[in-house]
Amino acid sequence: MIPNTLNEAIQELIKINIPPNQLDGRSIRNAWGLWTGSELSQWFYEKDIYHADDMSGIIIESYKNTIEGKSIDLENQIKLYHKHWEKCYGENHLSIMKEETPFYKKSKDRENKINKIIDDNIKS
């Protein structure tokens, strides 16, 4: 089952009962569709987290904090990733990152196809 939220992801990992230091971010990204626009990745998009590596990092850190009885502190985790990407891309880092998401690309492709159909009909 692919979780839809961070809390569901944590619960799935608790069921598996694997130590956080043995988790593989790549496996999480691939199995849970973080590169391909799954519901879980869209949950992160709503939090302005657009890179699958960041998503899996937050999932692993949140899982680790949960089983250690600590706060997830999602807001601070998000801030750390935003600071990183701001250093890479500057002040417009969020819009640059958003344009790279599968969900955004699919919606832009759909919009372009619709506009082409409209343009073709206007010309004929």
N, C-alpha and C. Protein backbone atom coordinates (compact mmCIF):
# COMPACT_ATOMS: atom_id res chain seq x y z
N MET A 1 0.84 -1.18 0.00
CA MET A 1 0.00 0.00 0.00
C MET A 1 0.89 1.25 0.00
N ILE A 2 0.56 2.19 -0.87
CA ILE A 2 1.28 3.46 -0.89
C ILE A 2 0.55 4.42 0.05
N PRO A 3 1.23 4.92 1.05
CA PRO A 3 0.59 5.86 1.97
C PRO A 3 0.23 7.16 1.27
N ASN A 4 -0.74 7.86 1.81
CA ASN A 4 -1.18 9.14 1.24
C ASN A 4 -0.65 10.35 1.99
N THR A 5 -0.19 10.15 3.21
CA THR A 5 0.29 11.25 4.05
C THR A 5 1.56 10.82 4.78
N LEU A 6 2.22 11.78 5.37
CA LEU A 6 3.40 11.47 6.17
C LEU A 6 3.05 10.55 7.33
N ASN A 7 1.94 10.82 8.01
CA ASN A 7 1.55 9.97 9.14
C ASN A 7 1.30 8.53 8.71
N GLU A 8 0.67 8.35 7.54
CA GLU A 8 0.44 7.01 7.03
C GLU A 8 1.78 6.34 6.69
N ALA A 9 2.72 7.11 6.14
CA ALA A 9 4.04 6.57 5.81
C ALA A 9 4.74 6.09 7.08
N ILE A 10 4.67 6.89 8.12
CA ILE A 10 5.28 6.50 9.40
C ILE A 10 4.64 5.22 9.92
N GLN A 11 3.32 5.13 9.85
CA GLN A 11 2.63 3.93 10.33
C GLN A 11 3.03 2.69 9.53
N GLU A 12 3.22 2.84 8.22
CA GLU A 12 3.68 1.72 7.40
C GLU A 12 5.06 1.25 7.83
N LEU A 13 5.94 2.20 8.10
CA LEU A 13 7.29 1.84 8.54
C LEU A 13 7.28 1.21 9.92
N ILE A 14 6.40 1.67 10.78
CA ILE A 14 6.27 1.05 12.11
C ILE A 14 5.84 -0.40 11.97
N LYS A 15 4.92 -0.68 11.03
CA LYS A 15 4.47 -2.06 10.79
C LYS A 15 5.63 -2.94 10.34
N ILE A 16 6.48 -2.40 9.48
CA ILE A 16 7.62 -3.15 8.97
C ILE A 16 8.65 -3.38 10.08
N ASN A 17 8.73 -2.41 11.00
CA ASN A 17 9.62 -2.50 12.15
C ASN A 17 11.09 -2.63 11.75
N ILE A 18 11.51 -1.74 10.86
CA ILE A 18 12.91 -1.73 10.42
C ILE A 18 13.62 -0.56 11.10
N PRO A 19 14.83 -0.75 11.57
CA PRO A 19 15.56 0.37 12.18
C PRO A 19 15.76 1.50 11.16
N PRO A 20 15.60 2.74 11.57
CA PRO A 20 15.73 3.87 10.64
C PRO A 20 17.05 3.90 9.88
N ASN A 21 18.14 3.48 10.54
CA ASN A 21 19.44 3.52 9.86
C ASN A 21 19.58 2.44 8.78
N GLN A 22 18.60 1.54 8.70
CA GLN A 22 18.60 0.52 7.66
C GLN A 22 17.64 0.85 6.52
N LEU A 23 16.94 1.96 6.64
CA LEU A 23 16.01 2.36 5.58
C LEU A 23 16.78 2.90 4.38
N ASP A 24 16.28 2.61 3.22
CA ASP A 24 16.89 3.06 1.97
C ASP A 24 15.97 4.08 1.32
N GLY A 25 16.44 5.34 1.27
CA GLY A 25 15.63 6.40 0.69
C GLY A 25 15.22 6.11 -0.74
N ARG A 26 16.13 5.50 -1.52
CA ARG A 26 15.82 5.19 -2.93
C ARG A 26 14.64 4.22 -3.02
N SER A 27 14.64 3.21 -2.16
CA SER A 27 13.53 2.24 -2.17
C SER A 27 12.22 2.92 -1.81
N ILE A 28 12.26 3.81 -0.84
CA ILE A 28 11.04 4.54 -0.46
C ILE A 28 10.56 5.39 -1.63
N ARG A 29 11.48 6.13 -2.25
CA ARG A 29 11.10 6.99 -3.39
C ARG A 29 10.46 6.18 -4.50
N ASN A 30 11.05 5.05 -4.83
CA ASN A 30 10.53 4.24 -5.93
C ASN A 30 9.24 3.52 -5.56
N ALA A 31 9.21 2.87 -4.41
CA ALA A 31 8.04 2.07 -4.01
C ALA A 31 6.82 2.93 -3.77
N TRP A 32 7.02 4.14 -3.28
CA TRP A 32 5.88 4.99 -2.93
C TRP A 32 5.62 6.09 -3.96
N GLY A 33 6.24 5.98 -5.12
CA GLY A 33 5.93 6.88 -6.24
C GLY A 33 6.28 8.34 -6.00
N LEU A 34 7.33 8.59 -5.25
CA LEU A 34 7.66 9.98 -4.95
C LEU A 34 8.20 10.73 -6.16
N TRP A 35 8.73 10.00 -7.15
CA TRP A 35 9.19 10.64 -8.38
C TRP A 35 8.05 10.80 -9.39
N THR A 36 6.98 10.06 -9.21
CA THR A 36 5.96 9.98 -10.26
C THR A 36 4.63 10.62 -9.92
N GLY A 37 4.56 11.37 -8.84
CA GLY A 37 3.33 12.11 -8.54
C GLY A 37 2.28 11.34 -7.77
N SER A 38 2.69 10.40 -6.92
CA SER A 38 1.73 9.65 -6.10
C SER A 38 0.98 10.60 -5.16
N GLU A 39 -0.05 10.08 -4.52
CA GLU A 39 -0.80 10.88 -3.54
C GLU A 39 0.13 11.37 -2.43
N LEU A 40 1.06 10.52 -2.02
CA LEU A 40 2.01 10.91 -0.98
C LEU A 40 2.88 12.07 -1.45
N SER A 41 3.36 11.99 -2.68
CA SER A 41 4.19 13.10 -3.19
C SER A 41 3.36 14.37 -3.30
N GLN A 42 2.09 14.25 -3.67
CA GLN A 42 1.23 15.44 -3.74
C GLN A 42 0.99 16.02 -2.36
N TRP A 43 0.93 15.18 -1.35
CA TRP A 43 0.82 15.68 0.03
C TRP A 43 2.02 16.56 0.34
N PHE A 44 3.21 16.11 -0.08
CA PHE A 44 4.41 16.92 0.13
C PHE A 44 4.39 18.18 -0.73
N TYR A 45 3.89 18.09 -1.97
CA TYR A 45 3.80 19.29 -2.82
C TYR A 45 3.01 20.38 -2.12
N GLU A 46 1.95 19.99 -1.44
CA GLU A 46 1.13 20.96 -0.71
C GLU A 46 1.91 21.64 0.41
N LYS A 47 2.99 21.01 0.83
CA LYS A 47 3.86 21.59 1.87
C LYS A 47 5.08 22.28 1.26
N ASP A 48 5.06 22.47 -0.07
CA ASP A 48 6.18 23.07 -0.82
C ASP A 48 7.45 22.25 -0.75
N ILE A 49 7.31 20.94 -0.68
CA ILE A 49 8.44 20.02 -0.80
C ILE A 49 8.25 19.31 -2.14
N TYR A 50 9.18 19.58 -3.08
CA TYR A 50 8.99 19.14 -4.46
C TYR A 50 9.99 18.08 -4.92
N HIS A 51 11.05 17.86 -4.19
CA HIS A 51 12.07 16.90 -4.61
C HIS A 51 11.88 15.59 -3.85
N ALA A 52 11.88 14.49 -4.58
CA ALA A 52 11.63 13.18 -3.97
C ALA A 52 12.69 12.82 -2.92
N ASP A 53 13.93 13.26 -3.13
CA ASP A 53 14.96 13.00 -2.11
C ASP A 53 14.61 13.68 -0.79
N ASP A 54 14.08 14.90 -0.89
CA ASP A 54 13.67 15.63 0.32
C ASP A 54 12.51 14.91 1.01
N MET A 55 11.57 14.41 0.19
CA MET A 55 10.42 13.70 0.75
C MET A 55 10.86 12.47 1.53
N SER A 56 11.73 11.66 0.91
CA SER A 56 12.16 10.44 1.60
C SER A 56 13.00 10.79 2.83
N GLY A 57 13.77 11.86 2.77
CA GLY A 57 14.52 12.29 3.93
C GLY A 57 13.61 12.68 5.09
N ILE A 58 12.55 13.40 4.77
CA ILE A 58 11.58 13.80 5.81
C ILE A 58 10.88 12.57 6.37
N ILE A 59 10.52 11.63 5.50
CA ILE A 59 9.85 10.41 5.96
C ILE A 59 10.76 9.65 6.94
N ILE A 60 12.00 9.45 6.56
CA ILE A 60 12.93 8.69 7.41
C ILE A 60 13.19 9.42 8.73
N GLU A 61 13.44 10.73 8.66
CA GLU A 61 13.69 11.50 9.88
C GLU A 61 12.46 11.51 10.79
N SER A 62 11.29 11.64 10.21
CA SER A 62 10.05 11.66 10.99
C SER A 62 9.79 10.30 11.64
N TYR A 63 10.05 9.24 10.89
CA TYR A 63 9.92 7.88 11.44
C TYR A 63 10.88 7.70 12.61
N LYS A 64 12.14 8.09 12.41
CA LYS A 64 13.15 7.97 13.46
C LYS A 64 12.71 8.74 14.71
N ASN A 65 12.27 9.98 14.52
CA ASN A 65 11.83 10.79 15.66
C ASN A 65 10.64 10.15 16.36
N THR A 66 9.72 9.60 15.60
CA THR A 66 8.52 8.99 16.18
C THR A 66 8.89 7.80 17.05
N ILE A 67 9.72 6.91 16.53
CA ILE A 67 10.03 5.71 17.35
C ILE A 67 10.94 6.05 18.52
N GLU A 68 11.61 7.19 18.45
CA GLU A 68 12.43 7.63 19.59
C GLU A 68 11.63 8.50 20.55
N GLY A 69 10.34 8.69 20.27
CA GLY A 69 9.48 9.47 21.15
C GLY A 69 9.69 10.96 21.05
N LYS A 70 10.29 11.42 19.97
CA LYS A 70 10.55 12.85 19.76
C LYS A 70 9.49 13.44 18.83
N SER A 71 9.45 14.75 18.80
CA SER A 71 8.56 15.46 17.89
C SER A 71 9.06 15.30 16.45
N ILE A 72 8.15 15.22 15.52
CA ILE A 72 8.52 15.16 14.10
C ILE A 72 9.12 16.50 13.67
N ASP A 73 8.56 17.59 14.19
CA ASP A 73 9.02 18.94 13.87
C ASP A 73 9.07 19.15 12.35
N LEU A 74 7.96 18.86 11.71
CA LEU A 74 7.86 18.95 10.25
C LEU A 74 8.19 20.35 9.74
N GLU A 75 7.71 21.35 10.44
CA GLU A 75 7.96 22.73 10.01
C GLU A 75 9.46 23.03 9.91
N ASN A 76 10.22 22.60 10.89
CA ASN A 76 11.66 22.84 10.87
C ASN A 76 12.35 22.02 9.78
N GLN A 77 11.90 20.78 9.60
CA GLN A 77 12.48 19.96 8.52
C GLN A 77 12.26 20.63 7.16
N ILE A 78 11.06 21.14 6.94
CA ILE A 78 10.75 21.81 5.68
C ILE A 78 11.64 23.03 5.51
N LYS A 79 11.81 23.80 6.57
CA LYS A 79 12.66 25.00 6.50
C LYS A 79 14.09 24.65 6.10
N LEU A 80 14.61 23.55 6.63
CA LEU A 80 15.98 23.14 6.30
C LEU A 80 16.12 22.85 4.81
N TYR A 81 15.14 22.16 4.24
CA TYR A 81 15.20 21.86 2.80
C TYR A 81 15.03 23.13 1.97
N HIS A 82 14.15 24.02 2.40
CA HIS A 82 13.97 25.28 1.68
C HIS A 82 15.26 26.10 1.69
N LYS A 83 15.95 26.13 2.83
CA LYS A 83 17.22 26.86 2.90
C LYS A 83 18.24 26.27 1.93
N HIS A 84 18.28 24.96 1.86
CA HIS A 84 19.21 24.29 0.94
C HIS A 84 18.92 24.70 -0.50
N TRP A 85 17.67 24.61 -0.92
CA TRP A 85 17.32 24.92 -2.31
C TRP A 85 17.43 26.41 -2.61
N GLU A 86 17.22 27.24 -1.61
CA GLU A 86 17.39 28.67 -1.81
C GLU A 86 18.86 28.98 -2.12
N LYS A 87 19.78 28.27 -1.45
CA LYS A 87 21.20 28.45 -1.74
C LYS A 87 21.52 28.03 -3.18
N CYS A 88 20.84 27.01 -3.66
CA CYS A 88 21.09 26.50 -5.02
C CYS A 88 20.45 27.38 -6.09
N TYR A 89 19.22 27.80 -5.88
CA TYR A 89 18.43 28.47 -6.92
C TYR A 89 18.08 29.92 -6.63
N GLY A 90 18.33 30.40 -5.43
CA GLY A 90 17.99 31.76 -5.09
C GLY A 90 16.57 31.88 -4.56
N GLU A 91 16.10 33.12 -4.50
CA GLU A 91 14.79 33.41 -3.90
C GLU A 91 13.63 32.71 -4.59
N ASN A 92 13.75 32.44 -5.88
CA ASN A 92 12.66 31.81 -6.64
C ASN A 92 12.72 30.29 -6.59
N HIS A 93 13.42 29.74 -5.61
CA HIS A 93 13.63 28.30 -5.56
C HIS A 93 12.33 27.50 -5.55
N LEU A 94 11.30 27.98 -4.86
CA LEU A 94 10.06 27.20 -4.79
C LEU A 94 9.38 27.09 -6.14
N SER A 95 9.31 28.18 -6.89
CA SER A 95 8.65 28.10 -8.20
C SER A 95 9.49 27.28 -9.17
N ILE A 96 10.81 27.38 -9.08
CA ILE A 96 11.68 26.58 -9.94
C ILE A 96 11.50 25.10 -9.62
N MET A 97 11.49 24.75 -8.35
CA MET A 97 11.32 23.36 -7.94
C MET A 97 9.94 22.83 -8.33
N LYS A 98 8.92 23.65 -8.15
CA LYS A 98 7.55 23.22 -8.45
C LYS A 98 7.40 22.86 -9.92
N GLU A 99 8.04 23.62 -10.80
CA GLU A 99 7.93 23.37 -12.23
C GLU A 99 8.55 22.05 -12.65
N GLU A 100 9.34 21.44 -11.79
CA GLU A 100 9.99 20.17 -12.10
C GLU A 100 9.19 18.96 -11.62
N THR A 101 8.09 19.16 -10.91
CA THR A 101 7.34 18.02 -10.37
C THR A 101 6.54 17.33 -11.46
N PRO A 102 6.36 16.01 -11.37
CA PRO A 102 5.55 15.30 -12.36
C PRO A 102 4.12 15.83 -12.43
N PHE A 103 3.55 16.17 -11.28
CA PHE A 103 2.17 16.67 -11.25
C PHE A 103 2.06 17.97 -12.04
N TYR A 104 3.00 18.88 -11.85
CA TYR A 104 3.00 20.16 -12.55
C TYR A 104 3.21 19.94 -14.04
N LYS A 105 4.16 19.07 -14.39
CA LYS A 105 4.44 18.81 -15.81
C LYS A 105 3.22 18.22 -16.51
N LYS A 106 2.54 17.28 -15.85
CA LYS A 106 1.34 16.67 -16.44
C LYS A 106 0.26 17.72 -16.66
N SER A 107 0.05 18.59 -15.70
CA SER A 107 -0.99 19.61 -15.85
C SER A 107 -0.61 20.59 -16.96
N LYS A 108 0.68 20.93 -17.09
CA LYS A 108 1.13 21.82 -18.17
C LYS A 108 0.97 21.15 -19.53
N ASP A 109 1.30 19.85 -19.61
CA ASP A 109 1.13 19.11 -20.87
C ASP A 109 -0.34 19.09 -21.28
N ARG A 110 -1.22 18.84 -20.31
CA ARG A 110 -2.65 18.82 -20.59
C ARG A 110 -3.12 20.19 -21.06
N GLU A 111 -2.66 21.25 -20.39
CA GLU A 111 -3.02 22.61 -20.77
C GLU A 111 -2.54 22.93 -22.18
N ASN A 112 -1.32 22.52 -22.51
CA ASN A 112 -0.78 22.77 -23.85
C ASN A 112 -1.57 22.03 -24.92
N LYS A 113 -1.97 20.78 -24.64
CA LYS A 113 -2.77 20.01 -25.60
C LYS A 113 -4.12 20.68 -25.83
N ILE A 114 -4.75 21.13 -24.77
CA ILE A 114 -6.05 21.81 -24.89
C ILE A 114 -5.90 23.09 -25.70
N ASN A 115 -4.86 23.86 -25.41
CA ASN A 115 -4.63 25.11 -26.15
C ASN A 115 -4.37 24.84 -27.62
N LYS A 116 -3.66 23.74 -27.94
CA LYS A 116 -3.40 23.40 -29.33
C LYS A 116 -4.71 23.05 -30.05
N ILE A 117 -5.56 22.28 -29.39
CA ILE A 117 -6.86 21.93 -29.98
C ILE A 117 -7.69 23.19 -30.24
N ILE A 118 -7.71 24.08 -29.29
CA ILE A 118 -8.45 25.35 -29.45
C ILE A 118 -7.87 26.16 -30.59
N ASP A 119 -6.54 26.28 -30.64
CA ASP A 119 -5.89 27.03 -31.72
C ASP A 119 -6.17 26.42 -33.09
N ASP A 120 -6.11 25.08 -33.16
CA ASP A 120 -6.37 24.39 -34.43
C ASP A 120 -7.82 24.61 -34.88
N ASN A 121 -8.75 24.61 -33.92
CA ASN A 121 -10.15 24.84 -34.28
C ASN A 121 -10.40 26.27 -34.72
N ILE A 122 -9.70 27.21 -34.12
CA ILE A 122 -9.85 28.62 -34.50
C ILE A 122 -9.32 28.84 -35.91
N LYS A 123 -8.23 28.18 -36.23
CA LYS A 123 -7.61 28.33 -37.57
C LYS A 123 -8.45 27.68 -38.67
N SER A 124 -9.23 26.64 -38.34
CA SER A 124 -9.99 25.94 -39.39
C SER A 124 -11.33 26.55 -39.66
